mmCIF file of all heavy atoms, coordinates in Angstrom:
data_MODEL
# 
_entry.id   MODEL 
# 
loop_
_atom_site.group_PDB 
_atom_site.id 
_atom_site.type_symbol 
_atom_site.label_atom_id 
_atom_site.label_alt_id 
_atom_site.label_comp_id 
_atom_site.label_asym_id 
_atom_site.label_entity_id 
_atom_site.label_seq_id 
_atom_site.pdbx_PDB_ins_code 
_atom_site.Cartn_x 
_atom_site.Cartn_y 
_atom_site.Cartn_z 
_atom_site.occupancy 
_atom_site.B_iso_or_equiv 
_atom_site.pdbx_formal_charge 
_atom_site.auth_seq_id 
_atom_site.auth_comp_id 
_atom_site.auth_asym_id 
_atom_site.auth_atom_id 
_atom_site.pdbx_PDB_model_num 
ATOM 1   N N   . ASP A 1 1  ? 68.747 79.550 102.982 1.00 0.00 ? 1  ASP A N   1 
ATOM 2   C CA  . ASP A 1 1  ? 67.326 79.345 102.678 1.00 0.00 ? 1  ASP A CA  1 
ATOM 3   C C   . ASP A 1 1  ? 66.427 80.282 103.476 1.00 0.00 ? 1  ASP A C   1 
ATOM 4   O O   . ASP A 1 1  ? 65.494 80.878 102.922 1.00 0.00 ? 1  ASP A O   1 
ATOM 5   C CB  . ASP A 1 1  ? 66.927 77.886 102.919 1.00 0.00 ? 1  ASP A CB  1 
ATOM 6   C CG  . ASP A 1 1  ? 67.587 76.939 101.925 1.00 0.00 ? 1  ASP A CG  1 
ATOM 7   O OD1 . ASP A 1 1  ? 67.935 77.392 100.812 1.00 0.00 ? 1  ASP A OD1 1 
ATOM 8   O OD2 . ASP A 1 1  ? 67.747 75.750 102.253 1.00 0.00 ? 1  ASP A OD2 1 
ATOM 9   N N   . THR A 1 2  ? 66.697 80.439 104.765 1.00 0.00 ? 2  THR A N   1 
ATOM 10  C CA  . THR A 1 2  ? 65.846 81.319 105.569 1.00 0.00 ? 2  THR A CA  1 
ATOM 11  C C   . THR A 1 2  ? 66.043 82.783 105.179 1.00 0.00 ? 2  THR A C   1 
ATOM 12  O O   . THR A 1 2  ? 65.094 83.566 105.205 1.00 0.00 ? 2  THR A O   1 
ATOM 13  C CB  . THR A 1 2  ? 66.109 81.135 107.077 1.00 0.00 ? 2  THR A CB  1 
ATOM 14  O OG1 . THR A 1 2  ? 67.507 81.257 107.325 1.00 0.00 ? 2  THR A OG1 1 
ATOM 15  C CG2 . THR A 1 2  ? 65.627 79.782 107.557 1.00 0.00 ? 2  THR A CG2 1 
ATOM 16  N N   . ALA A 1 3  ? 67.273 83.159 104.809 1.00 0.00 ? 3  ALA A N   1 
ATOM 17  C CA  . ALA A 1 3  ? 67.519 84.535 104.379 1.00 0.00 ? 3  ALA A CA  1 
ATOM 18  C C   . ALA A 1 3  ? 66.787 84.837 103.082 1.00 0.00 ? 3  ALA A C   1 
ATOM 19  O O   . ALA A 1 3  ? 66.169 85.899 102.935 1.00 0.00 ? 3  ALA A O   1 
ATOM 20  C CB  . ALA A 1 3  ? 69.022 84.781 104.216 1.00 0.00 ? 3  ALA A CB  1 
ATOM 21  N N   . VAL A 1 4  ? 66.834 83.910 102.132 1.00 0.00 ? 4  VAL A N   1 
ATOM 22  C CA  . VAL A 1 4  ? 66.135 84.102 100.855 1.00 0.00 ? 4  VAL A CA  1 
ATOM 23  C C   . VAL A 1 4  ? 64.629 84.202 101.093 1.00 0.00 ? 4  VAL A C   1 
ATOM 24  O O   . VAL A 1 4  ? 63.962 85.080 100.533 1.00 0.00 ? 4  VAL A O   1 
ATOM 25  C CB  . VAL A 1 4  ? 66.487 82.969 99.863  1.00 0.00 ? 4  VAL A CB  1 
ATOM 26  C CG1 . VAL A 1 4  ? 65.555 82.992 98.665  1.00 0.00 ? 4  VAL A CG1 1 
ATOM 27  C CG2 . VAL A 1 4  ? 67.932 83.082 99.416  1.00 0.00 ? 4  VAL A CG2 1 
ATOM 28  N N   . GLU A 1 5  ? 64.090 83.329 101.937 1.00 0.00 ? 5  GLU A N   1 
ATOM 29  C CA  . GLU A 1 5  ? 62.654 83.390 102.251 1.00 0.00 ? 5  GLU A CA  1 
ATOM 30  C C   . GLU A 1 5  ? 62.294 84.721 102.906 1.00 0.00 ? 5  GLU A C   1 
ATOM 31  O O   . GLU A 1 5  ? 61.257 85.320 102.593 1.00 0.00 ? 5  GLU A O   1 
ATOM 32  C CB  . GLU A 1 5  ? 62.271 82.233 103.175 1.00 0.00 ? 5  GLU A CB  1 
ATOM 33  C CG  . GLU A 1 5  ? 62.252 80.885 102.493 1.00 0.00 ? 5  GLU A CG  1 
ATOM 34  C CD  . GLU A 1 5  ? 62.048 79.741 103.477 1.00 0.00 ? 5  GLU A CD  1 
ATOM 35  O OE1 . GLU A 1 5  ? 61.546 79.985 104.607 1.00 0.00 ? 5  GLU A OE1 1 
ATOM 36  O OE2 . GLU A 1 5  ? 62.395 78.609 103.123 1.00 0.00 ? 5  GLU A OE2 1 
ATOM 37  N N   . GLY A 1 6  ? 63.143 85.197 103.809 1.00 0.00 ? 6  GLY A N   1 
ATOM 38  C CA  . GLY A 1 6  ? 62.900 86.482 104.466 1.00 0.00 ? 6  GLY A CA  1 
ATOM 39  C C   . GLY A 1 6  ? 62.910 87.641 103.494 1.00 0.00 ? 6  GLY A C   1 
ATOM 40  O O   . GLY A 1 6  ? 62.065 88.539 103.571 1.00 0.00 ? 6  GLY A O   1 
ATOM 41  N N   . ILE A 1 7  ? 63.849 87.623 102.551 1.00 0.00 ? 7  ILE A N   1 
ATOM 42  C CA  . ILE A 1 7  ? 63.917 88.681 101.542 1.00 0.00 ? 7  ILE A CA  1 
ATOM 43  C C   . ILE A 1 7  ? 62.680 88.650 100.659 1.00 0.00 ? 7  ILE A C   1 
ATOM 44  O O   . ILE A 1 7  ? 62.084 89.689 100.359 1.00 0.00 ? 7  ILE A O   1 
ATOM 45  C CB  . ILE A 1 7  ? 65.198 88.559 100.696 1.00 0.00 ? 7  ILE A CB  1 
ATOM 46  C CG1 . ILE A 1 7  ? 66.436 88.832 101.551 1.00 0.00 ? 7  ILE A CG1 1 
ATOM 47  C CG2 . ILE A 1 7  ? 65.162 89.518 99.501  1.00 0.00 ? 7  ILE A CG2 1 
ATOM 48  C CD1 . ILE A 1 7  ? 67.751 88.473 100.888 1.00 0.00 ? 7  ILE A CD1 1 
ATOM 49  N N   . ILE A 1 8  ? 62.279 87.457 100.248 1.00 0.00 ? 8  ILE A N   1 
ATOM 50  C CA  . ILE A 1 8  ? 61.093 87.331 99.388  1.00 0.00 ? 8  ILE A CA  1 
ATOM 51  C C   . ILE A 1 8  ? 59.861 87.884 100.092 1.00 0.00 ? 8  ILE A C   1 
ATOM 52  O O   . ILE A 1 8  ? 59.095 88.670 99.519  1.00 0.00 ? 8  ILE A O   1 
ATOM 53  C CB  . ILE A 1 8  ? 60.873 85.867 98.967  1.00 0.00 ? 8  ILE A CB  1 
ATOM 54  C CG1 . ILE A 1 8  ? 61.969 85.435 97.991  1.00 0.00 ? 8  ILE A CG1 1 
ATOM 55  C CG2 . ILE A 1 8  ? 59.493 85.687 98.337  1.00 0.00 ? 8  ILE A CG2 1 
ATOM 56  C CD1 . ILE A 1 8  ? 61.979 83.948 97.694  1.00 0.00 ? 8  ILE A CD1 1 
ATOM 57  N N   . LYS A 1 9  ? 59.659 87.508 101.359 1.00 0.00 ? 9  LYS A N   1 
ATOM 58  C CA  . LYS A 1 9  ? 58.484 87.991 102.095 1.00 0.00 ? 9  LYS A CA  1 
ATOM 59  C C   . LYS A 1 9  ? 58.514 89.498 102.267 1.00 0.00 ? 9  LYS A C   1 
ATOM 60  O O   . LYS A 1 9  ? 57.497 90.171 102.143 1.00 0.00 ? 9  LYS A O   1 
ATOM 61  C CB  . LYS A 1 9  ? 58.408 87.314 103.469 1.00 0.00 ? 9  LYS A CB  1 
ATOM 62  C CG  . LYS A 1 9  ? 57.934 85.891 103.419 1.00 0.00 ? 9  LYS A CG  1 
ATOM 63  C CD  . LYS A 1 9  ? 57.871 85.298 104.810 1.00 0.00 ? 9  LYS A CD  1 
ATOM 64  C CE  . LYS A 1 9  ? 57.538 83.814 104.722 1.00 0.00 ? 9  LYS A CE  1 
ATOM 65  N NZ  . LYS A 1 9  ? 57.669 83.147 106.030 1.00 0.00 ? 9  LYS A NZ  1 
ATOM 66  N N   . ALA A 1 10 ? 59.698 90.043 102.558 1.00 0.00 ? 10 ALA A N   1 
ATOM 67  C CA  . ALA A 1 10 ? 59.813 91.479 102.817 1.00 0.00 ? 10 ALA A CA  1 
ATOM 68  C C   . ALA A 1 10 ? 59.702 92.317 101.548 1.00 0.00 ? 10 ALA A C   1 
ATOM 69  O O   . ALA A 1 10 ? 59.176 93.424 101.572 1.00 0.00 ? 10 ALA A O   1 
ATOM 70  C CB  . ALA A 1 10 ? 61.132 91.771 103.522 1.00 0.00 ? 10 ALA A CB  1 
ATOM 71  N N   . ALA A 1 11 ? 60.202 91.808 100.416 1.00 0.00 ? 11 ALA A N   1 
ATOM 72  C CA  . ALA A 1 11 ? 60.256 92.599 99.185  1.00 0.00 ? 11 ALA A CA  1 
ATOM 73  C C   . ALA A 1 11 ? 59.045 92.395 98.279  1.00 0.00 ? 11 ALA A C   1 
ATOM 74  O O   . ALA A 1 11 ? 58.862 93.131 97.319  1.00 0.00 ? 11 ALA A O   1 
ATOM 75  C CB  . ALA A 1 11 ? 61.528 92.275 98.406  1.00 0.00 ? 11 ALA A CB  1 
ATOM 76  N N   . HIS A 1 12 ? 58.205 91.428 98.585  1.00 0.00 ? 12 HIS A N   1 
ATOM 77  C CA  . HIS A 1 12 ? 57.088 91.080 97.705  1.00 0.00 ? 12 HIS A CA  1 
ATOM 78  C C   . HIS A 1 12 ? 55.974 92.115 97.727  1.00 0.00 ? 12 HIS A C   1 
ATOM 79  O O   . HIS A 1 12 ? 55.519 92.532 98.790  1.00 0.00 ? 12 HIS A O   1 
ATOM 80  C CB  . HIS A 1 12 ? 56.521 89.718 98.131  1.00 0.00 ? 12 HIS A CB  1 
ATOM 81  C CG  . HIS A 1 12 ? 55.403 89.242 97.270  1.00 0.00 ? 12 HIS A CG  1 
ATOM 82  N ND1 . HIS A 1 12 ? 54.092 89.460 97.595  1.00 0.00 ? 12 HIS A ND1 1 
ATOM 83  C CD2 . HIS A 1 12 ? 55.410 88.585 96.094  1.00 0.00 ? 12 HIS A CD2 1 
ATOM 84  C CE1 . HIS A 1 12 ? 53.328 88.944 96.655  1.00 0.00 ? 12 HIS A CE1 1 
ATOM 85  N NE2 . HIS A 1 12 ? 54.103 88.404 95.728  1.00 0.00 ? 12 HIS A NE2 1 
ATOM 86  N N   . THR A 1 13 ? 55.557 92.564 96.556  1.00 0.00 ? 13 THR A N   1 
ATOM 87  C CA  . THR A 1 13 ? 54.369 93.418 96.427  1.00 0.00 ? 13 THR A CA  1 
ATOM 88  C C   . THR A 1 13 ? 53.328 92.753 95.544  1.00 0.00 ? 13 THR A C   1 
ATOM 89  O O   . THR A 1 13 ? 52.177 93.157 95.528  1.00 0.00 ? 13 THR A O   1 
ATOM 90  C CB  . THR A 1 13 ? 54.706 94.798 95.805  1.00 0.00 ? 13 THR A CB  1 
ATOM 91  O OG1 . THR A 1 13 ? 55.114 94.615 94.450  1.00 0.00 ? 13 THR A OG1 1 
ATOM 92  C CG2 . THR A 1 13 ? 55.773 95.522 96.594  1.00 0.00 ? 13 THR A CG2 1 
ATOM 93  N N   . GLY A 1 14 ? 53.763 91.770 94.755  1.00 0.00 ? 14 GLY A N   1 
ATOM 94  C CA  . GLY A 1 14 ? 52.854 91.094 93.835  1.00 0.00 ? 14 GLY A CA  1 
ATOM 95  C C   . GLY A 1 14 ? 52.761 91.776 92.483  1.00 0.00 ? 14 GLY A C   1 
ATOM 96  O O   . GLY A 1 14 ? 52.033 91.332 91.605  1.00 0.00 ? 14 GLY A O   1 
ATOM 97  N N   . LYS A 1 15 ? 53.504 92.857 92.313  1.00 0.00 ? 15 LYS A N   1 
ATOM 98  C CA  . LYS A 1 15 ? 53.461 93.599 91.054  1.00 0.00 ? 15 LYS A CA  1 
ATOM 99  C C   . LYS A 1 15 ? 54.757 93.387 90.290  1.00 0.00 ? 15 LYS A C   1 
ATOM 100 O O   . LYS A 1 15 ? 55.788 93.038 90.865  1.00 0.00 ? 15 LYS A O   1 
ATOM 101 C CB  . LYS A 1 15 ? 53.242 95.079 91.327  1.00 0.00 ? 15 LYS A CB  1 
ATOM 102 C CG  . LYS A 1 15 ? 51.908 95.350 91.994  1.00 0.00 ? 15 LYS A CG  1 
ATOM 103 C CD  . LYS A 1 15 ? 51.623 96.817 92.058  1.00 0.00 ? 15 LYS A CD  1 
ATOM 104 C CE  . LYS A 1 15 ? 50.194 96.991 92.502  1.00 0.00 ? 15 LYS A CE  1 
ATOM 105 N NZ  . LYS A 1 15 ? 50.042 97.650 93.752  1.00 0.00 ? 15 LYS A NZ  1 
ATOM 106 N N   . ILE A 1 16 ? 54.709 93.642 89.003  1.00 0.00 ? 16 ILE A N   1 
ATOM 107 C CA  . ILE A 1 16 ? 55.897 93.509 88.170  1.00 0.00 ? 16 ILE A CA  1 
ATOM 108 C C   . ILE A 1 16 ? 56.978 94.459 88.684  1.00 0.00 ? 16 ILE A C   1 
ATOM 109 O O   . ILE A 1 16 ? 56.683 95.559 89.143  1.00 0.00 ? 16 ILE A O   1 
ATOM 110 C CB  . ILE A 1 16 ? 55.553 93.765 86.683  1.00 0.00 ? 16 ILE A CB  1 
ATOM 111 C CG1 . ILE A 1 16 ? 56.676 93.303 85.782  1.00 0.00 ? 16 ILE A CG1 1 
ATOM 112 C CG2 . ILE A 1 16 ? 55.196 95.206 86.453  1.00 0.00 ? 16 ILE A CG2 1 
ATOM 113 C CD1 . ILE A 1 16 ? 56.280 93.205 84.320  1.00 0.00 ? 16 ILE A CD1 1 
ATOM 114 N N   . GLY A 1 17 ? 58.226 94.007 88.660  1.00 0.00 ? 17 GLY A N   1 
ATOM 115 C CA  . GLY A 1 17 ? 59.329 94.834 89.122  1.00 0.00 ? 17 GLY A CA  1 
ATOM 116 C C   . GLY A 1 17 ? 59.705 94.624 90.569  1.00 0.00 ? 17 GLY A C   1 
ATOM 117 O O   . GLY A 1 17 ? 60.468 95.409 91.129  1.00 0.00 ? 17 GLY A O   1 
ATOM 118 N N   . ASP A 1 18 ? 59.203 93.565 91.206  1.00 0.00 ? 18 ASP A N   1 
ATOM 119 C CA  . ASP A 1 18 ? 59.563 93.282 92.601  1.00 0.00 ? 18 ASP A CA  1 
ATOM 120 C C   . ASP A 1 18 ? 61.050 93.012 92.755  1.00 0.00 ? 18 ASP A C   1 
ATOM 121 O O   . ASP A 1 18 ? 61.608 93.258 93.807  1.00 0.00 ? 18 ASP A O   1 
ATOM 122 C CB  . ASP A 1 18 ? 58.775 92.082 93.135  1.00 0.00 ? 18 ASP A CB  1 
ATOM 123 C CG  . ASP A 1 18 ? 57.439 92.498 93.721  1.00 0.00 ? 18 ASP A CG  1 
ATOM 124 O OD1 . ASP A 1 18 ? 57.167 93.705 93.811  1.00 0.00 ? 18 ASP A OD1 1 
ATOM 125 O OD2 . ASP A 1 18 ? 56.670 91.597 94.095  1.00 0.00 ? 18 ASP A OD2 1 
ATOM 126 N N   . GLY A 1 19 ? 61.699 92.491 91.719  1.00 0.00 ? 19 GLY A N   1 
ATOM 127 C CA  . GLY A 1 19 ? 63.141 92.302 91.773  1.00 0.00 ? 19 GLY A CA  1 
ATOM 128 C C   . GLY A 1 19 ? 63.568 90.866 91.603  1.00 0.00 ? 19 GLY A C   1 
ATOM 129 O O   . GLY A 1 19 ? 62.778 89.981 91.263  1.00 0.00 ? 19 GLY A O   1 
ATOM 130 N N   . LYS A 1 20 ? 64.852 90.627 91.869  1.00 0.00 ? 20 LYS A N   1 
ATOM 131 C CA  . LYS A 1 20 ? 65.438 89.298 91.731  1.00 0.00 ? 20 LYS A CA  1 
ATOM 132 C C   . LYS A 1 20 ? 66.422 89.069 92.860  1.00 0.00 ? 20 LYS A C   1 
ATOM 133 O O   . LYS A 1 20 ? 66.967 90.000 93.440  1.00 0.00 ? 20 LYS A O   1 
ATOM 134 C CB  . LYS A 1 20 ? 66.186 89.176 90.407  1.00 0.00 ? 20 LYS A CB  1 
ATOM 135 C CG  . LYS A 1 20 ? 65.281 89.140 89.197  1.00 0.00 ? 20 LYS A CG  1 
ATOM 136 C CD  . LYS A 1 20 ? 65.900 88.268 88.110  1.00 0.00 ? 20 LYS A CD  1 
ATOM 137 C CE  . LYS A 1 20 ? 64.923 87.989 87.011  1.00 0.00 ? 20 LYS A CE  1 
ATOM 138 N NZ  . LYS A 1 20 ? 64.572 89.110 86.198  1.00 0.00 ? 20 LYS A NZ  1 
ATOM 139 N N   . ILE A 1 21 ? 66.677 87.787 93.136  1.00 0.00 ? 21 ILE A N   1 
ATOM 140 C CA  . ILE A 1 21 ? 67.669 87.381 94.130  1.00 0.00 ? 21 ILE A CA  1 
ATOM 141 C C   . ILE A 1 21 ? 68.661 86.460 93.447  1.00 0.00 ? 21 ILE A C   1 
ATOM 142 O O   . ILE A 1 21 ? 68.262 85.513 92.769  1.00 0.00 ? 21 ILE A O   1 
ATOM 143 C CB  . ILE A 1 21 ? 67.010 86.669 95.325  1.00 0.00 ? 21 ILE A CB  1 
ATOM 144 C CG1 . ILE A 1 21 ? 66.013 87.597 96.013  1.00 0.00 ? 21 ILE A CG1 1 
ATOM 145 C CG2 . ILE A 1 21 ? 68.071 86.179 96.300  1.00 0.00 ? 21 ILE A CG2 1 
ATOM 146 C CD1 . ILE A 1 21 ? 65.180 86.922 97.080  1.00 0.00 ? 21 ILE A CD1 1 
ATOM 147 N N   . PHE A 1 22 ? 69.936 86.749 93.639  1.00 0.00 ? 22 PHE A N   1 
ATOM 148 C CA  . PHE A 1 22 ? 71.001 85.911 93.082  1.00 0.00 ? 22 PHE A CA  1 
ATOM 149 C C   . PHE A 1 22 ? 71.804 85.341 94.248  1.00 0.00 ? 22 PHE A C   1 
ATOM 150 O O   . PHE A 1 22 ? 72.194 86.078 95.153  1.00 0.00 ? 22 PHE A O   1 
ATOM 151 C CB  . PHE A 1 22 ? 71.937 86.735 92.189  1.00 0.00 ? 22 PHE A CB  1 
ATOM 152 C CG  . PHE A 1 22 ? 71.224 87.449 91.077  1.00 0.00 ? 22 PHE A CG  1 
ATOM 153 C CD1 . PHE A 1 22 ? 70.809 88.760 91.228  1.00 0.00 ? 22 PHE A CD1 1 
ATOM 154 C CD2 . PHE A 1 22 ? 70.963 86.802 89.880  1.00 0.00 ? 22 PHE A CD2 1 
ATOM 155 C CE1 . PHE A 1 22 ? 70.146 89.422 90.208  1.00 0.00 ? 22 PHE A CE1 1 
ATOM 156 C CE2 . PHE A 1 22 ? 70.301 87.464 88.848  1.00 0.00 ? 22 PHE A CE2 1 
ATOM 157 C CZ  . PHE A 1 22 ? 69.891 88.769 89.011  1.00 0.00 ? 22 PHE A CZ  1 
ATOM 158 N N   . VAL A 1 23 ? 72.065 84.032 94.223  1.00 0.00 ? 23 VAL A N   1 
ATOM 159 C CA  . VAL A 1 23 ? 72.859 83.377 95.257  1.00 0.00 ? 23 VAL A CA  1 
ATOM 160 C C   . VAL A 1 23 ? 74.082 82.768 94.591  1.00 0.00 ? 23 VAL A C   1 
ATOM 161 O O   . VAL A 1 23 ? 73.953 82.015 93.627  1.00 0.00 ? 23 VAL A O   1 
ATOM 162 C CB  . VAL A 1 23 ? 72.041 82.284 95.981  1.00 0.00 ? 23 VAL A CB  1 
ATOM 163 C CG1 . VAL A 1 23 ? 72.892 81.614 97.054  1.00 0.00 ? 23 VAL A CG1 1 
ATOM 164 C CG2 . VAL A 1 23 ? 70.767 82.856 96.573  1.00 0.00 ? 23 VAL A CG2 1 
ATOM 165 N N   . SER A 1 24 ? 75.262 83.106 95.104  1.00 0.00 ? 24 SER A N   1 
ATOM 166 C CA  . SER A 1 24 ? 76.497 82.562 94.539  1.00 0.00 ? 24 SER A CA  1 
ATOM 167 C C   . SER A 1 24 ? 77.445 82.139 95.662  1.00 0.00 ? 24 SER A C   1 
ATOM 168 O O   . SER A 1 24 ? 77.334 82.606 96.797  1.00 0.00 ? 24 SER A O   1 
ATOM 169 C CB  . SER A 1 24 ? 77.167 83.586 93.618  1.00 0.00 ? 24 SER A CB  1 
ATOM 170 O OG  . SER A 1 24 ? 77.364 84.799 94.294  1.00 0.00 ? 24 SER A OG  1 
# 
């Protein structure tokens, strides 16, 4: 959970194409 939150905060620009995260 903390890793996903960290990735979201770091990768977020607010524009289309920011990306996706997959957890398996």
